[in-house]
Amino acid sequence: MITVTINGDKREIQGALCLADFLKERGLDRQFVAVAHNGKVLQKSDYPRVTLRDGDVVEIVRPVGGG
């Protein structure tokens, strides 16, 4: 098990996991989110290449419409 911080909340996941799979497992369409990994905003093309590891900090932002 590893611990990562997602949007300020510590969470345990089974082990190292690529960011694209992490988003998919949570039902998040990567087309509609922006992600920062350890303080660096990522390009969507980077999601499959980024592996979440113990102690990582991830911020996931989804656009919200309004009127």
PDB file of N, CA and C in Angstrom:
ATOM      1  N   MET A   1       0.840  -1.185   0.000  1.00  0.00           N
ATOM      2  CA  MET A   1       0.000   0.000   0.000  1.00  0.00           C
ATOM      3  C   MET A   1       0.884   1.247   0.000  1.00  0.00           C
ATOM      4  N   ILE A   2       0.431   2.259  -0.734  1.00  0.00           N
ATOM      5  CA  ILE A   2       1.106   3.546  -0.711  1.00  0.00           C
ATOM      6  C   ILE A   2       0.087   4.618  -0.359  1.00  0.00           C
ATOM      7  N   THR A   3       0.581   5.734   0.139  1.00  0.00           N
ATOM      8  CA  THR A   3      -0.292   6.850   0.500  1.00  0.00           C
ATOM      9  C   THR A   3      -0.022   8.004  -0.445  1.00  0.00           C
ATOM     10  N   VAL A   4      -1.095   8.509  -1.053  1.00  0.00           N
ATOM     11  CA  VAL A   4      -1.006   9.697  -1.898  1.00  0.00           C
ATOM     12  C   VAL A   4      -2.029  10.707  -1.389  1.00  0.00           C
ATOM     13  N   THR A   5      -1.757  11.969  -1.633  1.00  0.00           N
ATOM     14  CA  THR A   5      -2.695  13.017  -1.243  1.00  0.00           C
ATOM     15  C   THR A   5      -3.413  13.482  -2.496  1.00  0.00           C
ATOM     16  N   ILE A   6      -4.734  13.337  -2.501  1.00  0.00           N
ATOM     17  CA  ILE A   6      -5.568  13.717  -3.632  1.00  0.00           C
ATOM     18  C   ILE A   6      -6.468  14.860  -3.186  1.00  0.00           C
ATOM     19  N   ASN A   7      -6.295  16.027  -3.788  1.00  0.00           N
ATOM     20  CA  ASN A   7      -7.088  17.215  -3.452  1.00  0.00           C
ATOM     21  C   ASN A   7      -7.126  17.450  -1.936  1.00  0.00           C
ATOM     22  N   GLY A   8      -5.976  17.278  -1.304  1.00  0.00           N
ATOM     23  CA  GLY A   8      -5.853  17.559   0.122  1.00  0.00           C
ATOM     24  C   GLY A   8      -6.195  16.404   1.044  1.00  0.00           C
ATOM     25  N   ASP A   9      -6.726  15.288   0.526  1.00  0.00           N
ATOM     26  CA  ASP A   9      -7.094  14.136   1.344  1.00  0.00           C
ATOM     27  C   ASP A   9      -6.101  12.999   1.127  1.00  0.00           C
ATOM     28  N   LYS A  10      -5.573  12.461   2.218  1.00  0.00           N
ATOM     29  CA  LYS A  10      -4.661  11.322   2.109  1.00  0.00           C
ATOM     30  C   LYS A  10      -5.485  10.070   1.798  1.00  0.00           C
ATOM     31  N   ARG A  11      -4.986   9.316   0.818  1.00  0.00           N
ATOM     32  CA  ARG A  11      -5.665   8.077   0.427  1.00  0.00           C
ATOM     33  C   ARG A  11      -4.634   6.979   0.237  1.00  0.00           C
ATOM     34  N   GLU A  12      -5.040   5.772   0.576  1.00  0.00           N
ATOM     35  CA  GLU A  12      -4.175   4.629   0.350  1.00  0.00           C
ATOM     36  C   GLU A  12      -4.621   3.918  -0.920  1.00  0.00           C
ATOM     37  N   ILE A  13      -3.655   3.566  -1.751  1.00  0.00           N
ATOM     38  CA  ILE A  13      -3.937   2.769  -2.939  1.00  0.00           C
ATOM     39  C   ILE A  13      -3.030   1.544  -2.905  1.00  0.00           C
ATOM     40  N   GLN A  14      -3.391   0.526  -3.679  1.00  0.00           N
ATOM     41  CA  GLN A  14      -2.709  -0.768  -3.609  1.00  0.00           C
ATOM     42  C   GLN A  14      -1.213  -0.697  -3.868  1.00  0.00           C
ATOM     43  N   GLY A  15      -0.782   0.140  -4.763  1.00  0.00           N
ATOM     44  CA  GLY A  15       0.640   0.239  -5.087  1.00  0.00           C
ATOM     45  C   GLY A  15       0.822   1.267  -6.174  1.00  0.00           C
ATOM     46  N   ALA A  16       2.032   1.327  -6.709  1.00  0.00           N
ATOM     47  CA  ALA A  16       2.306   2.272  -7.788  1.00  0.00           C
ATOM     48  C   ALA A  16       1.301   2.051  -8.916  1.00  0.00           C
ATOM     49  N   LEU A  17       0.731   3.134  -9.418  1.00  0.00           N
ATOM     50  CA  LEU A  17      -0.324   3.076 -10.415  1.00  0.00           C
ATOM     51  C   LEU A  17      -0.167   4.267 -11.347  1.00  0.00           C
ATOM     52  N   CYS A  18      -0.358   4.049 -12.642  1.00  0.00           N
ATOM     53  CA  CYS A  18      -0.242   5.189 -13.556  1.00  0.00           C
ATOM     54  C   CYS A  18      -1.455   6.102 -13.380  1.00  0.00           C
ATOM     55  N   LEU A  19      -1.234   7.374 -13.582  1.00  0.00           N
ATOM     56  CA  LEU A  19      -2.273   8.374 -13.363  1.00  0.00           C
ATOM     57  C   LEU A  19      -3.491   8.125 -14.236  1.00  0.00           C
ATOM     58  N   ALA A  20      -3.293   7.734 -15.479  1.00  0.00           N
ATOM     59  CA  ALA A  20      -4.423   7.466 -16.382  1.00  0.00           C
ATOM     60  C   ALA A  20      -5.317   6.372 -15.812  1.00  0.00           C
ATOM     61  N   ASP A  21      -4.723   5.309 -15.281  1.00  0.00           N
ATOM     62  CA  ASP A  21      -5.506   4.216 -14.684  1.00  0.00           C
ATOM     63  C   ASP A  21      -6.198   4.673 -13.411  1.00  0.00           C
ATOM     64  N   PHE A  22      -5.517   5.491 -12.622  1.00  0.00           N
ATOM     65  CA  PHE A  22      -6.108   6.025 -11.391  1.00  0.00           C
ATOM     66  C   PHE A  22      -7.377   6.811 -11.714  1.00  0.00           C
ATOM     67  N   LEU A  23      -7.296   7.676 -12.721  1.00  0.00           N
ATOM     68  CA  LEU A  23      -8.467   8.471 -13.113  1.00  0.00           C
ATOM     69  C   LEU A  23      -9.586   7.570 -13.624  1.00  0.00           C
ATOM     70  N   LYS A  24      -9.235   6.596 -14.445  1.00  0.00           N
ATOM     71  CA  LYS A  24     -10.232   5.682 -15.017  1.00  0.00           C
ATOM     72  C   LYS A  24     -10.946   4.890 -13.924  1.00  0.00           C
ATOM     73  N   GLU A  25     -10.189   4.390 -12.948  1.00  0.00           N
ATOM     74  CA  GLU A  25     -10.781   3.626 -11.846  1.00  0.00           C
ATOM     75  C   GLU A  25     -11.773   4.450 -11.047  1.00  0.00           C
ATOM     76  N   ARG A  26     -11.605   5.755 -11.042  1.00  0.00           N
ATOM     77  CA  ARG A  26     -12.502   6.640 -10.302  1.00  0.00           C
ATOM     78  C   ARG A  26     -13.598   7.240 -11.173  1.00  0.00           C
ATOM     79  N   GLY A  27     -13.685   6.766 -12.412  1.00  0.00           N
ATOM     80  CA  GLY A  27     -14.747   7.216 -13.301  1.00  0.00           C
ATOM     81  C   GLY A  27     -14.555   8.626 -13.823  1.00  0.00           C
ATOM     82  N   LEU A  28     -13.318   9.112 -13.830  1.00  0.00           N
ATOM     83  CA  LEU A  28     -13.041  10.466 -14.311  1.00  0.00           C
ATOM     84  C   LEU A  28     -12.529  10.402 -15.741  1.00  0.00           C
ATOM     85  N   ASP A  29     -13.196  11.099 -16.634  1.00  0.00           N
ATOM     86  CA  ASP A  29     -12.779  11.158 -18.029  1.00  0.00           C
ATOM     87  C   ASP A  29     -11.641  12.153 -18.136  1.00  0.00           C
ATOM     88  N   ARG A  30     -10.475  11.680 -18.561  1.00  0.00           N
ATOM     89  CA  ARG A  30      -9.307  12.557 -18.576  1.00  0.00           C
ATOM     90  C   ARG A  30      -9.447  13.725 -19.530  1.00  0.00           C
ATOM     91  N   GLN A  31     -10.416  13.678 -20.437  1.00  0.00           N
ATOM     92  CA  GLN A  31     -10.665  14.826 -21.324  1.00  0.00           C
ATOM     93  C   GLN A  31     -11.218  16.015 -20.553  1.00  0.00           C
ATOM     94  N   PHE A  32     -11.856  15.735 -19.425  1.00  0.00           N
ATOM     95  CA  PHE A  32     -12.575  16.783 -18.711  1.00  0.00           C
ATOM     96  C   PHE A  32     -11.980  17.113 -17.341  1.00  0.00           C
ATOM     97  N   VAL A  33     -10.698  16.806 -17.146  1.00  0.00           N
ATOM     98  CA  VAL A  33     -10.031  17.168 -15.896  1.00  0.00           C
ATOM     99  C   VAL A  33      -8.677  17.792 -16.192  1.00  0.00           C
ATOM    100  N   ALA A  34      -8.231  18.586 -15.264  1.00  0.00           N
ATOM    101  CA  ALA A  34      -6.852  19.094 -15.282  1.00  0.00           C
ATOM    102  C   ALA A  34      -6.184  18.520 -14.043  1.00  0.00           C
ATOM    103  N   VAL A  35      -4.915  18.124 -14.175  1.00  0.00           N
ATOM    104  CA  VAL A  35      -4.232  17.461 -13.071  1.00  0.00           C
ATOM    105  C   VAL A  35      -2.859  18.098 -12.830  1.00  0.00           C
ATOM    106  N   ALA A  36      -2.579  18.332 -11.554  1.00  0.00           N
ATOM    107  CA  ALA A  36      -1.229  18.738 -11.134  1.00  0.00           C
ATOM    108  C   ALA A  36      -0.666  17.587 -10.307  1.00  0.00           C
ATOM    109  N   HIS A  37       0.574  17.240 -10.595  1.00  0.00           N
ATOM    110  CA  HIS A  37       1.248  16.139  -9.887  1.00  0.00           C
ATOM    111  C   HIS A  37       2.491  16.716  -9.222  1.00  0.00           C
ATOM    112  N   ASN A  38       2.503  16.674  -7.913  1.00  0.00           N
ATOM    113  CA  ASN A  38       3.618  17.238  -7.135  1.00  0.00           C
ATOM    114  C   ASN A  38       3.927  18.677  -7.542  1.00  0.00           C
ATOM    115  N   GLY A  39       2.854  19.461  -7.740  1.00  0.00           N
ATOM    116  CA  GLY A  39       2.998  20.884  -8.026  1.00  0.00           C
ATOM    117  C   GLY A  39       3.180  21.251  -9.479  1.00  0.00           C
ATOM    118  N   LYS A  40       3.250  20.267 -10.363  1.00  0.00           N
ATOM    119  CA  LYS A  40       3.437  20.541 -11.785  1.00  0.00           C
ATOM    120  C   LYS A  40       2.173  20.179 -12.557  1.00  0.00           C
ATOM    121  N   VAL A  41       1.629  21.158 -13.283  1.00  0.00           N
ATOM    122  CA  VAL A  41       0.445  20.900 -14.108  1.00  0.00           C
ATOM    123  C   VAL A  41       0.868  20.028 -15.288  1.00  0.00           C
ATOM    124  N   LEU A  42       0.108  18.965 -15.510  1.00  0.00           N
ATOM    125  CA  LEU A  42       0.457  17.989 -16.540  1.00  0.00           C
ATOM    126  C   LEU A  42      -0.337  18.191 -17.819  1.00  0.00           C
ATOM    127  N   GLN A  43       0.274  17.829 -18.927  1.00  0.00           N
ATOM    128  CA  GLN A  43      -0.435  17.724 -20.197  1.00  0.00           C
ATOM    129  C   GLN A  43      -1.197  16.393 -20.172  1.00  0.00           C
ATOM    130  N   LYS A  44      -2.336  16.336 -20.823  1.00  0.00           N
ATOM    131  CA  LYS A  44      -3.115  15.099 -20.846  1.00  0.00           C
ATOM    132  C   LYS A  44      -2.306  13.936 -21.425  1.00  0.00           C
ATOM    133  N   SER A  45      -1.422  14.231 -22.352  1.00  0.00           N
ATOM    134  CA  SER A  45      -0.600  13.173 -22.947  1.00  0.00           C
ATOM    135  C   SER A  45       0.392  12.579 -21.947  1.00  0.00           C
ATOM    136  N   ASP A  46       0.627  13.282 -20.831  1.00  0.00           N
ATOM    137  CA  ASP A  46       1.545  12.781 -19.800  1.00  0.00           C
ATOM    138  C   ASP A  46       0.877  11.801 -18.837  1.00  0.00           C
ATOM    139  N   TYR A  47      -0.439  11.792 -18.763  1.00  0.00           N
ATOM    140  CA  TYR A  47      -1.140  10.983 -17.765  1.00  0.00           C
ATOM    141  C   TYR A  47      -0.716   9.514 -17.777  1.00  0.00           C
ATOM    142  N   PRO A  48      -0.588   8.865 -18.945  1.00  0.00           N
ATOM    143  CA  PRO A  48      -0.186   7.449 -18.922  1.00  0.00           C
ATOM    144  C   PRO A  48       1.267   7.239 -18.481  1.00  0.00           C
ATOM    145  N   ARG A  49       2.092   8.277 -18.582  1.00  0.00           N
ATOM    146  CA  ARG A  49       3.517   8.139 -18.244  1.00  0.00           C
ATOM    147  C   ARG A  49       3.831   8.480 -16.790  1.00  0.00           C
ATOM    148  N   VAL A  50       2.871   9.058 -16.079  1.00  0.00           N
ATOM    149  CA  VAL A  50       3.099   9.443 -14.686  1.00  0.00           C
ATOM    150  C   VAL A  50       2.640   8.312 -13.774  1.00  0.00           C
ATOM    151  N   THR A  51       3.536   7.840 -12.931  1.00  0.00           N
ATOM    152  CA  THR A  51       3.210   6.784 -11.979  1.00  0.00           C
ATOM    153  C   THR A  51       3.084   7.390 -10.589  1.00  0.00           C
ATOM    154  N   LEU A  52       1.955   7.111  -9.951  1.00  0.00           N
ATOM    155  CA  LEU A  52       1.746   7.591  -8.586  1.00  0.00           C
ATOM    156  C   LEU A  52       2.569   6.739  -7.637  1.00  0.00           C
ATOM    157  N   ARG A  53       3.286   7.412  -6.761  1.00  0.00           N
ATOM    158  CA  ARG A  53       4.155   6.732  -5.802  1.00  0.00           C
ATOM    159  C   ARG A  53       3.886   7.264  -4.392  1.00  0.00           C
ATOM    160  N   ASP A  54       4.375   6.552  -3.415  1.00  0.00           N
ATOM    161  CA  ASP A  54       4.146   6.924  -2.023  1.00  0.00           C
ATOM    162  C   ASP A  54       4.562   8.377  -1.773  1.00  0.00           C
ATOM    163  N   GLY A  55       3.664   9.137  -1.166  1.00  0.00           N
ATOM    164  CA  GLY A  55       3.952  10.522  -0.810  1.00  0.00           C
ATOM    165  C   GLY A  55       3.597  11.547  -1.869  1.00  0.00           C
ATOM    166  N   ASP A  56       3.177  11.104  -3.052  1.00  0.00           N
ATOM    167  CA  ASP A  56       2.828  12.053  -4.113  1.00  0.00           C
ATOM    168  C   ASP A  56       1.614  12.892  -3.730  1.00  0.00           C
ATOM    169  N   VAL A  57       1.567  14.087  -4.307  1.00  0.00           N
ATOM    170  CA  VAL A  57       0.448  15.012  -4.106  1.00  0.00           C
ATOM    171  C   VAL A  57      -0.163  15.292  -5.471  1.00  0.00           C
ATOM    172  N   VAL A  58      -1.466  15.058  -5.568  1.00  0.00           N
ATOM    173  CA  VAL A  58      -2.182  15.226  -6.839  1.00  0.00           C
ATOM    174  C   VAL A  58      -3.377  16.147  -6.605  1.00  0.00           C
ATOM    175  N   GLU A  59      -3.533  17.097  -7.500  1.00  0.00           N
ATOM    176  CA  GLU A  59      -4.719  17.962  -7.503  1.00  0.00           C
ATOM    177  C   GLU A  59      -5.460  17.695  -8.792  1.00  0.00           C
ATOM    178  N   ILE A  60      -6.753  17.380  -8.677  1.00  0.00           N
ATOM    179  CA  ILE A  60      -7.592  17.099  -9.844  1.00  0.00           C
ATOM    180  C   ILE A  60      -8.703  18.136  -9.866  1.00  0.00           C
ATOM    181  N   VAL A  61      -8.826  18.841 -10.989  1.00  0.00           N
ATOM    182  CA  VAL A  61      -9.818  19.904 -11.121  1.00  0.00           C
ATOM    183  C   VAL A  61     -10.732  19.576 -12.290  1.00  0.00           C
ATOM    184  N   ARG A  62     -12.030  19.702 -12.044  1.00  0.00           N
ATOM    185  CA  ARG A  62     -13.019  19.519 -13.105  1.00  0.00           C
ATOM    186  C   ARG A  62     -13.754  20.844 -13.330  1.00  0.00           C
ATOM    187  N   PRO A  63     -14.005  21.182 -14.587  1.00  0.00           N
ATOM    188  CA  PRO A  63     -14.742  22.420 -14.835  1.00  0.00           C
ATOM    189  C   PRO A  63     -16.186  22.288 -14.359  1.00  0.00           C
ATOM    190  N   VAL A  64     -16.713  23.416 -13.887  1.00  0.00           N
ATOM    191  CA  VAL A  64     -18.088  23.451 -13.421  1.00  0.00           C
ATOM    192  C   VAL A  64     -18.792  24.545 -14.207  1.00  0.00           C
ATOM    193  N   GLY A  65     -19.899  24.180 -14.844  1.00  0.00           N
ATOM    194  CA  GLY A  65     -20.671  25.165 -15.614  1.00  0.00           C
ATOM    195  C   GLY A  65     -21.661  25.884 -14.709  1.00  0.00           C
ATOM    196  N   GLY A  66     -22.040  27.021 -15.124  1.00  0.00           N
ATOM    197  CA  GLY A  66     -23.007  27.783 -14.343  1.00  0.00           C
ATOM    198  C   GLY A  66     -23.577  28.896 -15.194  1.00  0.00           C
ATOM    199  N   GLY A  67     -24.458  29.600 -14.627  1.00  0.00           N
ATOM    200  CA  GLY A  67     -25.051  30.661 -15.418  1.00  0.00           C
ATOM    201  C   GLY A  67     -25.537  31.791 -14.602  1.00  0.00           C
TER     202      GLY A  67
END
